[in-house]
Amino acid sequence: MPHDMHRPAGPMPAADAGPPADAVPAADAVPAADAVPAADADAGPVALLVPGRRAPAAEYDVALLDLDGVVYSGPHAVPGAVAALAAARSAGLRLAFVTNNASRSPSAIAEHLGRLGIATSAADVVTSAQAAATLIASRFPAGSPVLVAGAVALRLALRERRLRPVSVAADRPVAVVQGYAPDMSYGLLAEAGVAVRDGAFFVATNADSTLPTSRRLRCMPRRWHGPGRNARWWSVTGSTPTSRARSVAVPTACSC
């Protein structure tokens, strides 16, 4: 039905005048292939990913791929992912994998990908555990104690940055780092809370509320931080966490 069928008779107000039938609204205009945004003019040509254009492998050198729910879900590959990544590699696209799931090391993730038929080295995997450890190491000297509320992979990432993982507030940690760990205990969370209350720098490795698994979405623990709960955490510890997810530090919000 024409959109103006029920308009009152008489001249159409100027404010309602639309563009010519063959006009393309500025916001929807498709940029030219060699278009360069004004703010990035000094950085060289920017290849924009537009449907119908050439395949990404023809425009880009590297693809940075999330893992949970993108490449795999639990132990199984997402349907079509293995074939699509193989085709991308055949076309010359390098694949790198990034994840804010801090529960596994790059080598464990690379082994998992290999079992799925995606040959990968640990050097091509970057985790938020590594990013968190890098952030803490940039602020504190080697050997500093860091309380870990997370999996073994998070402790390993800290050791690689010459930091000392601890588990109790009595060790006077300079920082607390929290990451996803399905078997994390309340006692460990309590120790972390005491350490943060006493002034430890607080880093969270992710801000997800759910985790894609083979049993569909699993709720992520939001005991520490999140909308409506930052205020509670602040009232107990006097601090809210910095999130180090996919190598970007931002104030975090995560609850379930």
Protein backbone atom coordinates (compact mmCIF):
# COMPACT_ATOMS: atom_id res chain seq x y z
CA MET A 1 0.00 0.00 0.00
CA PRO A 2 1.51 3.44 -0.86
CA HIS A 3 2.75 5.13 2.26
CA ASP A 4 0.85 8.39 1.58
CA MET A 5 -2.56 6.85 0.68
CA HIS A 6 -4.26 8.28 3.76
CA ARG A 7 -2.69 11.73 3.70
CA PRO A 8 -5.17 14.63 3.55
CA ALA A 9 -5.80 16.29 0.19
CA GLY A 10 -3.86 19.39 -0.71
CA PRO A 11 -0.23 20.29 -1.21
CA MET A 12 2.26 18.13 0.59
CA PRO A 13 4.18 20.05 3.29
CA ALA A 14 7.78 20.70 2.38
CA ALA A 15 8.96 18.77 5.42
CA ASP A 16 7.38 15.59 4.02
CA ALA A 17 8.92 15.87 0.59
CA GLY A 18 10.99 12.82 -0.15
CA PRO A 19 14.01 12.42 -2.39
CA PRO A 20 13.64 11.59 -6.09
CA ALA A 21 12.83 7.96 -6.80
CA ASP A 22 16.33 7.23 -8.02
CA ALA A 23 18.12 9.03 -5.20
CA VAL A 24 20.24 7.09 -2.70
CA PRO A 25 20.03 8.42 0.89
CA ALA A 26 23.44 9.55 2.07
CA ALA A 27 23.41 7.18 5.04
CA ASP A 28 22.75 4.20 2.79
CA ALA A 29 25.04 5.13 -0.05
CA VAL A 30 27.50 2.38 -0.97
CA PRO A 31 31.06 3.74 -0.85
CA ALA A 32 33.32 3.45 -3.82
CA ALA A 33 35.81 0.61 -3.69
CA ASP A 34 38.72 3.01 -3.15
CA ALA A 35 36.90 5.37 -0.81
CA VAL A 36 38.92 6.58 2.18
CA PRO A 37 37.17 8.06 5.25
CA ALA A 38 38.36 11.60 5.85
CA ALA A 39 39.65 10.80 9.35
CA ASP A 40 41.84 8.00 7.98
CA ALA A 41 43.06 9.72 4.83
CA ASP A 42 46.67 9.65 6.02
CA ALA A 43 46.53 5.93 6.81
CA GLY A 44 46.09 4.82 3.19
CA PRO A 45 43.18 3.07 1.45
CA VAL A 46 40.65 1.30 3.65
CA ALA A 47 38.95 -1.85 2.31
CA LEU A 48 35.34 -1.91 3.42
CA LEU A 49 33.55 -5.24 3.74
CA VAL A 50 30.35 -4.75 1.72
CA PRO A 51 28.02 -7.64 0.73
CA GLY A 52 28.33 -8.50 -2.92
CA ARG A 53 31.90 -7.33 -3.21
CA ARG A 54 34.97 -9.53 -3.40
CA ALA A 55 35.54 -12.26 -0.80
CA PRO A 56 37.26 -11.14 2.43
CA ALA A 57 40.40 -13.06 1.44
CA ALA A 58 40.73 -10.73 -1.54
CA GLU A 59 40.52 -7.64 0.68
CA TYR A 60 42.30 -8.61 3.90
CA ASP A 61 45.53 -10.33 4.96
CA VAL A 62 44.40 -11.71 8.33
CA ALA A 63 41.08 -12.73 9.88
CA LEU A 64 40.77 -12.44 13.68
CA LEU A 65 38.25 -15.05 14.76
CA ASP A 66 36.36 -15.40 18.01
CA LEU A 67 36.03 -19.01 19.17
CA ASP A 68 33.13 -19.88 21.50
CA GLY A 69 29.97 -19.87 19.40
CA VAL A 70 31.83 -18.78 16.26
CA VAL A 71 34.31 -21.55 15.41
CA TYR A 72 33.19 -24.13 17.94
CA SER A 73 30.50 -24.67 20.53
CA GLY A 74 31.74 -26.86 23.35
CA PRO A 75 33.77 -29.73 21.84
CA HIS A 76 32.11 -29.51 18.41
CA ALA A 77 32.68 -27.23 15.45
CA VAL A 78 29.97 -24.76 14.50
CA PRO A 79 28.31 -26.16 11.32
CA GLY A 80 30.12 -24.93 8.22
CA ALA A 81 33.00 -23.32 10.14
CA VAL A 82 35.72 -25.85 9.28
CA ALA A 83 34.97 -25.79 5.55
CA ALA A 84 34.69 -22.00 5.49
CA LEU A 85 38.03 -21.53 7.24
CA ALA A 86 39.71 -24.06 4.96
CA ALA A 87 38.42 -22.15 1.94
CA ALA A 88 39.64 -18.87 3.40
CA ARG A 89 43.11 -20.30 3.94
CA SER A 90 43.18 -21.72 0.43
CA ALA A 91 42.43 -18.21 -0.82
CA GLY A 92 45.46 -16.86 1.05
CA LEU A 93 43.85 -15.48 4.22
CA ARG A 94 45.82 -15.99 7.41
CA LEU A 95 43.74 -17.06 10.42
CA ALA A 96 44.30 -15.93 14.01
CA PHE A 97 42.07 -16.77 16.95
CA VAL A 98 41.14 -14.47 19.85
CA THR A 99 39.05 -15.32 22.88
CA ASN A 100 38.02 -13.77 26.18
CA ASN A 101 37.60 -17.24 27.66
CA ALA A 102 40.53 -17.39 30.07
CA SER A 103 39.99 -20.99 31.15
CA ARG A 104 42.34 -22.61 28.60
CA SER A 105 45.85 -21.95 27.38
CA PRO A 106 46.70 -21.16 23.73
CA SER A 107 48.26 -24.62 23.33
CA ALA A 108 45.10 -26.33 24.61
CA ILE A 109 42.97 -24.26 22.25
CA ALA A 110 45.27 -25.01 19.31
CA GLU A 111 45.02 -28.73 20.09
CA HIS A 112 41.22 -28.49 20.17
CA LEU A 113 41.16 -26.70 16.81
CA GLY A 114 43.47 -29.35 15.38
CA ARG A 115 41.07 -32.11 16.42
CA LEU A 116 38.32 -30.28 14.55
CA GLY A 117 40.43 -30.19 11.39
CA ILE A 118 41.71 -26.61 11.74
CA ALA A 119 45.48 -26.85 11.98
CA THR A 120 46.66 -24.09 14.31
CA SER A 121 49.73 -23.26 16.37
CA ALA A 122 49.61 -21.79 19.85
CA ALA A 123 51.27 -18.67 18.44
CA ASP A 124 48.10 -17.97 16.43
CA VAL A 125 45.88 -17.92 19.56
CA VAL A 126 45.50 -14.94 21.88
CA THR A 127 43.47 -15.20 25.09
CA SER A 128 42.21 -12.65 27.59
CA ALA A 129 44.32 -14.43 30.22
CA GLN A 130 47.41 -13.32 28.29
CA ALA A 131 46.01 -9.83 27.90
CA ALA A 132 45.24 -9.56 31.61
CA ALA A 133 48.72 -10.78 32.54
CA THR A 134 50.27 -8.25 30.15
CA LEU A 135 48.25 -5.44 31.71
CA ILE A 136 49.25 -6.38 35.26
CA ALA A 137 52.91 -6.84 34.27
CA SER A 138 52.91 -3.33 32.81
CA ARG A 139 51.95 -1.92 36.23
CA PHE A 140 53.90 -4.05 38.69
CA PRO A 141 57.46 -5.45 38.83
CA ALA A 142 58.42 -9.03 38.11
CA GLY A 143 57.77 -11.41 40.99
CA SER A 144 54.77 -9.46 42.29
CA PRO A 145 52.07 -11.64 43.87
CA VAL A 146 48.73 -11.74 42.02
CA LEU A 147 45.68 -13.47 43.46
CA VAL A 148 44.05 -15.65 40.80
CA ALA A 149 40.33 -16.39 40.88
CA GLY A 150 40.23 -18.51 37.77
CA ALA A 151 41.59 -21.54 35.97
CA VAL A 152 45.12 -22.93 35.72
CA ALA A 153 45.52 -21.26 32.31
CA LEU A 154 45.25 -17.87 34.00
CA ARG A 155 47.99 -18.79 36.45
CA LEU A 156 50.19 -19.95 33.57
CA ALA A 157 49.69 -16.66 31.74
CA LEU A 158 50.85 -14.76 34.83
CA ARG A 159 53.94 -16.94 35.22
CA GLU A 160 54.84 -16.29 31.57
CA ARG A 161 54.88 -12.59 32.48
CA ARG A 162 57.11 -13.31 35.51
CA LEU A 163 54.36 -12.67 38.02
CA ARG A 164 53.67 -14.89 41.06
CA PRO A 165 50.16 -16.41 41.29
CA VAL A 166 48.76 -16.74 44.82
CA SER A 167 45.44 -17.90 46.25
CA VAL A 168 45.01 -16.10 49.58
CA ALA A 169 44.77 -12.45 50.59
CA ALA A 170 47.34 -13.05 53.35
CA ASP A 171 50.01 -13.10 50.62
CA ARG A 172 49.28 -9.37 50.08
CA PRO A 173 48.72 -9.53 46.31
CA VAL A 174 49.23 -6.33 44.33
CA ALA A 175 46.41 -7.36 42.00
CA VAL A 176 43.46 -9.72 41.72
CA VAL A 177 42.61 -11.25 38.34
CA GLN A 178 39.35 -13.07 37.73
CA GLY A 179 38.55 -15.36 34.81
CA TYR A 180 36.00 -17.99 33.88
CA ALA A 181 36.53 -21.29 35.73
CA PRO A 182 33.65 -23.76 36.04
CA ASP A 183 34.94 -25.11 39.35
CA MET A 184 35.70 -21.82 41.11
CA SER A 185 34.88 -21.96 44.83
CA TYR A 186 33.20 -19.44 47.06
CA GLY A 187 36.25 -19.51 49.32
CA LEU A 188 38.48 -18.28 46.50
CA LEU A 189 36.00 -15.53 45.63
CA ALA A 190 35.98 -14.49 49.29
CA GLU A 191 39.80 -14.29 49.36
CA ALA A 192 39.74 -12.17 46.22
CA GLY A 193 37.18 -9.85 47.79
CA VAL A 194 39.35 -9.34 50.84
CA ALA A 195 42.38 -8.56 48.66
CA VAL A 196 40.49 -6.03 46.54
CA ARG A 197 39.03 -4.42 49.67
CA ASP A 198 42.58 -4.04 50.96
CA GLY A 199 43.64 -2.17 47.81
CA ALA A 200 44.65 -4.77 45.20
CA PHE A 201 44.24 -3.75 41.56
CA PHE A 202 41.24 -5.68 40.20
CA VAL A 203 41.18 -7.09 36.63
CA ALA A 204 38.40 -9.16 35.03
CA THR A 205 39.21 -11.12 31.87
CA ASN A 206 35.75 -11.00 30.31
CA ALA A 207 32.36 -9.33 30.51
CA ASP A 208 30.16 -12.03 28.99
CA SER A 209 26.90 -13.06 30.61
CA THR A 210 26.69 -16.39 28.74
CA LEU A 211 28.99 -19.04 27.26
CA PRO A 212 28.00 -20.97 24.09
CA THR A 213 28.34 -24.73 24.69
CA SER A 214 27.14 -27.98 23.15
CA ARG A 215 24.25 -27.74 25.64
CA ARG A 216 23.32 -24.30 24.32
CA LEU A 217 24.07 -21.15 26.32
CA ARG A 218 25.49 -21.51 29.80
CA CYS A 219 25.16 -18.71 32.30
CA MET A 220 28.49 -17.17 33.26
CA PRO A 221 29.19 -16.38 36.91
CA ARG A 222 28.29 -12.79 37.73
CA ARG A 223 29.06 -12.89 41.42
CA TRP A 224 31.55 -10.08 41.13
CA HIS A 225 30.60 -7.49 38.57
CA GLY A 226 27.68 -6.42 36.45
CA PRO A 227 24.72 -4.06 35.98
CA GLY A 228 23.06 -3.68 39.34
CA ARG A 229 25.90 -5.51 41.09
CA ASN A 230 28.82 -3.15 40.69
CA ALA A 231 27.25 -1.09 43.46
CA ARG A 232 27.17 -4.15 45.75
CA TRP A 233 30.77 -5.05 44.94
CA TRP A 234 31.79 -1.45 45.52
CA SER A 235 30.03 -1.37 48.90
CA VAL A 236 32.07 -4.41 50.05
CA THR A 237 35.46 -3.78 48.44
CA GLY A 238 35.53 -0.13 47.38
CA SER A 239 36.53 -1.11 43.84
CA THR A 240 35.09 -2.19 40.50
CA PRO A 241 37.09 -4.26 38.00
CA THR A 242 38.97 -3.35 34.88
CA SER A 243 38.10 -5.76 32.08
CA ARG A 244 40.90 -7.12 29.92
CA ALA A 245 38.88 -8.84 27.20
CA ARG A 246 40.42 -9.35 23.75
CA SER A 247 43.31 -7.10 24.75
CA VAL A 248 41.17 -4.02 25.43
CA ALA A 249 40.91 -2.59 28.93
CA VAL A 250 37.52 -1.04 29.64
CA PRO A 251 35.28 -0.72 32.71
CA THR A 252 33.39 -4.00 32.87
CA ALA A 253 29.72 -4.85 33.26
CA CYS A 254 28.75 -8.51 33.61
CA SER A 255 26.02 -10.23 35.54
CA CYS A 256 23.77 -13.22 35.07
